[in-house]
Every structure is written in structure tokens, then in C-alpha cells.
Amino acid sequence: MIGDLAKKAIGRLNYRVDSVDPDARTATFTTGVTMGSWSGVSGTISWEEAEPYRFKVTGGGKQNVRGGQVVALNLFDEANGKAQKVIVEMERLARGGSENMAPVGGCVVLLFAICSLTLMGVYTTGLI
């Protein structure tokens, strides 16, 4: 039940589901390229039943270092933030959030892109 919810939340955020183990009560995932690592972030979500039909969900992540990459910086605790996004998405889906709605946090990317383009425009026009 919670494993399926974790799998759905991970997929909705466009992360890769590595494994879901209902007996161990864990789900692992990998993201694509992040600010701190070309190899992305690996994360684990775990859950325990606090009381009947009420679960405590926790998670954590780490930056991946693969290939020629020497170091992966965990800028602004980005790795754990990816795990937190999965937990928030699980909570949204469990509360009856529509599968047609965009995952939580999509506006931040759009806002970042708009600000970057604005700054690039100001810089290239010589206003800085």
C-alpha cells in the first residue's frame, strides 16, 4: 500500500524507482543530473506504522559520484531536499491529490528560469 504510493510519487517527480521493499518498508530512487552532481542523487524513503492506518515517513539522500566526476557538492542540502519532495508528493497523493495535477515544486523551476533569463537580458544589454 505505502510502497505503491512511494512508487507513484517517485515516478510523478520523474525520478527512477530503483527498488521498493514492502517487507523492509523502504523505497529507493535515483534522480537525473542535479546542481551538485552530474550523476544525480540517490535517495531512500522509509516508513513505519505509527498507529493503525497512520504512517511516519522519513527519507534521505546523497549526491552520486561516478565516472570522471571527482567531487559532488551537496549545495543547500539538495540531496535531502529530493527525498523531502518525494515525501511531500506522497502526502499530496494520499490526501486525494489528482494525478493530473503538477507535482509540488514545479513553480520554483519556472521562477528560476524567468529570473535567469531576466538577469541574462540585463547583463547583455549593458545595464549592469
C-alpha atoms as a PDB file:
ATOM      1  CA  MET A   1       0.000   0.000   0.000  1.00  0.00           C
ATOM      2  CA  ILE A   2       2.583   2.623   1.085  1.00  0.00           C
ATOM      3  CA  GLY A   3       5.133   1.059  -1.273  1.00  0.00           C
ATOM      4  CA  ASP A   4       2.790   1.649  -4.209  1.00  0.00           C
ATOM      5  CA  LEU A   5       2.250   5.221  -3.057  1.00  0.00           C
ATOM      6  CA  ALA A   6       6.024   5.780  -2.851  1.00  0.00           C
ATOM      7  CA  LYS A   7       6.491   4.294  -6.315  1.00  0.00           C
ATOM      8  CA  LYS A   8       3.807   6.560  -7.750  1.00  0.00           C
ATOM      9  CA  ALA A   9       5.234   9.687  -6.053  1.00  0.00           C
ATOM     10  CA  ILE A  10       8.767   8.935  -7.249  1.00  0.00           C
ATOM     11  CA  GLY A  11       7.510   8.438 -10.796  1.00  0.00           C
ATOM     12  CA  ARG A  12       5.466  11.634 -10.708  1.00  0.00           C
ATOM     13  CA  LEU A  13       8.630  13.582  -9.915  1.00  0.00           C
ATOM     14  CA  ASN A  14      10.375  11.957 -12.910  1.00  0.00           C
ATOM     15  CA  TYR A  15      12.868  10.111 -10.730  1.00  0.00           C
ATOM     16  CA  ARG A  16      13.823   6.479 -11.384  1.00  0.00           C
ATOM     17  CA  VAL A  17      12.472   3.876  -8.947  1.00  0.00           C
ATOM     18  CA  ASP A  18      15.398   1.610  -8.065  1.00  0.00           C
ATOM     19  CA  SER A  19      13.567  -0.690  -5.655  1.00  0.00           C
ATOM     20  CA  VAL A  20      10.577  -0.954  -3.354  1.00  0.00           C
ATOM     21  CA  ASP A  21      10.717  -3.460  -0.497  1.00  0.00           C
ATOM     22  CA  PRO A  22       7.407  -3.667   1.418  1.00  0.00           C
ATOM     23  CA  ASP A  23       8.923  -6.057   3.991  1.00  0.00           C
ATOM     24  CA  ALA A  24      11.802  -3.689   4.824  1.00  0.00           C
ATOM     25  CA  ARG A  25       9.423  -0.723   4.378  1.00  0.00           C
ATOM     26  CA  THR A  26      11.789   1.154   2.055  1.00  0.00           C
ATOM     27  CA  ALA A  27      11.835   2.600  -1.441  1.00  0.00           C
ATOM     28  CA  THR A  28      14.979   3.766  -3.207  1.00  0.00           C
ATOM     29  CA  PHE A  29      15.244   6.130  -6.158  1.00  0.00           C
ATOM     30  CA  THR A  30      17.741   7.993  -8.334  1.00  0.00           C
ATOM     31  CA  THR A  31      17.307  11.412  -9.908  1.00  0.00           C
ATOM     32  CA  GLY A  32      18.863  12.763 -13.068  1.00  0.00           C
ATOM     33  CA  VAL A  33      21.548  15.459 -13.169  1.00  0.00           C
ATOM     34  CA  THR A  34      21.364  17.930 -10.262  1.00  0.00           C
ATOM     35  CA  MET A  35      23.127  21.183  -9.367  1.00  0.00           C
ATOM     36  CA  GLY A  36      25.672  19.296  -7.280  1.00  0.00           C
ATOM     37  CA  SER A  37      26.246  16.117  -9.305  1.00  0.00           C
ATOM     38  CA  TRP A  38      26.280  15.003 -12.930  1.00  0.00           C
ATOM     39  CA  SER A  39      25.256  11.555 -11.679  1.00  0.00           C
ATOM     40  CA  GLY A  40      22.259  12.819  -9.712  1.00  0.00           C
ATOM     41  CA  VAL A  41      21.054  11.956  -6.235  1.00  0.00           C
ATOM     42  CA  SER A  42      20.301   8.551  -4.714  1.00  0.00           C
ATOM     43  CA  GLY A  43      17.603   8.587  -2.073  1.00  0.00           C
ATOM     44  CA  THR A  44      15.795   6.263   0.295  1.00  0.00           C
ATOM     45  CA  ILE A  45      12.291   6.657   1.672  1.00  0.00           C
ATOM     46  CA  SER A  46      11.279   4.553   4.679  1.00  0.00           C
ATOM     47  CA  TRP A  47       8.025   4.260   6.579  1.00  0.00           C
ATOM     48  CA  GLU A  48       6.686   2.764   9.753  1.00  0.00           C
ATOM     49  CA  GLU A  49       3.150   2.409  11.042  1.00  0.00           C
ATOM     50  CA  ALA A  50       2.786   4.782  13.991  1.00  0.00           C
ATOM     51  CA  GLU A  51      -0.774   3.651  14.693  1.00  0.00           C
ATOM     52  CA  PRO A  52      -3.400   1.857  12.612  1.00  0.00           C
ATOM     53  CA  TYR A  53      -3.599   3.492   9.162  1.00  0.00           C
ATOM     54  CA  ARG A  54      -1.162   6.285  10.185  1.00  0.00           C
ATOM     55  CA  PHE A  55       2.409   6.157   8.951  1.00  0.00           C
ATOM     56  CA  LYS A  56       5.587   8.055   9.751  1.00  0.00           C
ATOM     57  CA  VAL A  57       7.595   8.567   6.555  1.00  0.00           C
ATOM     58  CA  THR A  58      11.240   9.634   6.553  1.00  0.00           C
ATOM     59  CA  GLY A  59      13.852   9.927   3.866  1.00  0.00           C
ATOM     60  CA  GLY A  60      17.357  10.961   2.993  1.00  0.00           C
ATOM     61  CA  GLY A  61      19.614  11.319   0.001  1.00  0.00           C
ATOM     62  CA  LYS A  62      23.214  11.616  -1.103  1.00  0.00           C
ATOM     63  CA  GLN A  63      24.946  13.061  -4.138  1.00  0.00           C
ATOM     64  CA  ASN A  64      26.296  10.424  -6.536  1.00  0.00           C
ATOM     65  CA  VAL A  65      29.911  10.491  -7.728  1.00  0.00           C
ATOM     66  CA  ARG A  66      30.547   8.370 -10.838  1.00  0.00           C
ATOM     67  CA  GLY A  67      32.831   8.358 -13.841  1.00  0.00           C
ATOM     68  CA  GLY A  68      35.277  11.251 -14.114  1.00  0.00           C
ATOM     69  CA  GLN A  69      33.496  13.347 -11.509  1.00  0.00           C
ATOM     70  CA  VAL A  70      35.834  13.872  -8.563  1.00  0.00           C
ATOM     71  CA  VAL A  71      33.511  15.610  -6.119  1.00  0.00           C
ATOM     72  CA  ALA A  72      29.762  16.206  -5.787  1.00  0.00           C
ATOM     73  CA  LEU A  73      28.734  19.224  -3.752  1.00  0.00           C
ATOM     74  CA  ASN A  74      25.564  18.915  -1.700  1.00  0.00           C
ATOM     75  CA  LEU A  75      24.633  22.552  -2.209  1.00  0.00           C
ATOM     76  CA  PHE A  76      21.837  23.788   0.066  1.00  0.00           C
ATOM     77  CA  ASP A  77      21.218  20.198   1.260  1.00  0.00           C
ATOM     78  CA  GLU A  78      19.943  19.390  -2.211  1.00  0.00           C
ATOM     79  CA  ALA A  79      20.154  15.600  -1.770  1.00  0.00           C
ATOM     80  CA  ASN A  80      17.877  15.501   1.274  1.00  0.00           C
ATOM     81  CA  GLY A  81      15.603  18.016  -0.447  1.00  0.00           C
ATOM     82  CA  LYS A  82      14.934  15.487  -3.225  1.00  0.00           C
ATOM     83  CA  ALA A  83      13.848  12.914  -0.633  1.00  0.00           C
ATOM     84  CA  GLN A  84      11.663  15.538   1.034  1.00  0.00           C
ATOM     85  CA  LYS A  85       9.991  16.283  -2.322  1.00  0.00           C
ATOM     86  CA  VAL A  86       9.062  12.600  -2.623  1.00  0.00           C
ATOM     87  CA  ILE A  87       7.557  12.640   0.883  1.00  0.00           C
ATOM     88  CA  VAL A  88       5.545  15.784   0.115  1.00  0.00           C
ATOM     89  CA  GLU A  89       4.287  14.234  -3.117  1.00  0.00           C
ATOM     90  CA  MET A  90       3.318  11.030  -1.260  1.00  0.00           C
ATOM     91  CA  GLU A  91       1.394  13.116   1.259  1.00  0.00           C
ATOM     92  CA  ARG A  92      -0.365  15.049  -1.515  1.00  0.00           C
ATOM     93  CA  LEU A  93      -1.392  11.834  -3.298  1.00  0.00           C
ATOM     94  CA  ALA A  94      -2.532  10.205  -0.030  1.00  0.00           C
ATOM     95  CA  ARG A  95      -4.774  13.184   0.706  1.00  0.00           C
ATOM     96  CA  GLY A  96      -6.537  12.687  -2.602  1.00  0.00           C
ATOM     97  CA  GLY A  97      -4.480  14.952  -4.843  1.00  0.00           C
ATOM     98  CA  SER A  98      -5.287  14.472  -8.501  1.00  0.00           C
ATOM     99  CA  GLU A  99      -2.795  12.567 -10.615  1.00  0.00           C
ATOM    100  CA  ASN A 100      -3.407  15.159 -13.336  1.00  0.00           C
ATOM    101  CA  MET A 101      -2.040  17.978 -11.174  1.00  0.00           C
ATOM    102  CA  ALA A 102       1.595  19.012 -11.494  1.00  0.00           C
ATOM    103  CA  PRO A 103       3.861  17.754  -8.691  1.00  0.00           C
ATOM    104  CA  VAL A 104       4.650  20.166  -5.877  1.00  0.00           C
ATOM    105  CA  GLY A 105       7.646  22.424  -6.508  1.00  0.00           C
ATOM    106  CA  GLY A 106       7.324  22.859 -10.273  1.00  0.00           C
ATOM    107  CA  CYS A 107       6.864  26.622  -9.939  1.00  0.00           C
ATOM    108  CA  VAL A 108      10.323  27.036  -8.436  1.00  0.00           C
ATOM    109  CA  VAL A 109      11.957  25.838 -11.656  1.00  0.00           C
ATOM    110  CA  LEU A 110       9.859  28.205 -13.732  1.00  0.00           C
ATOM    111  CA  LEU A 111      10.631  31.125 -11.409  1.00  0.00           C
ATOM    112  CA  PHE A 112      14.351  30.299 -11.510  1.00  0.00           C
ATOM    113  CA  ALA A 113      14.295  30.166 -15.329  1.00  0.00           C
ATOM    114  CA  ILE A 114      12.492  33.522 -15.607  1.00  0.00           C
ATOM    115  CA  CYS A 115      14.910  35.201 -13.168  1.00  0.00           C
ATOM    116  CA  SER A 116      17.922  33.758 -15.008  1.00  0.00           C
ATOM    117  CA  LEU A 117      16.667  34.954 -18.385  1.00  0.00           C
ATOM    118  CA  THR A 118      15.924  38.386 -16.962  1.00  0.00           C
ATOM    119  CA  LEU A 119      19.413  38.697 -15.495  1.00  0.00           C
ATOM    120  CA  MET A 120      20.960  37.491 -18.756  1.00  0.00           C
ATOM    121  CA  GLY A 121      18.989  40.130 -20.646  1.00  0.00           C
ATOM    122  CA  VAL A 122      20.077  42.879 -18.257  1.00  0.00           C
ATOM    123  CA  TYR A 123      23.696  41.744 -18.430  1.00  0.00           C
ATOM    124  CA  THR A 124      23.834  41.507 -22.246  1.00  0.00           C
ATOM    125  CA  THR A 125      22.225  44.943 -22.710  1.00  0.00           C
ATOM    126  CA  GLY A 126      24.934  46.508 -20.557  1.00  0.00           C
ATOM    127  CA  LEU A 127      22.689  47.669 -17.731  1.00  0.00           C
ATOM    128  CA  ILE A 128      24.942  46.091 -15.116  1.00  0.00           C
END
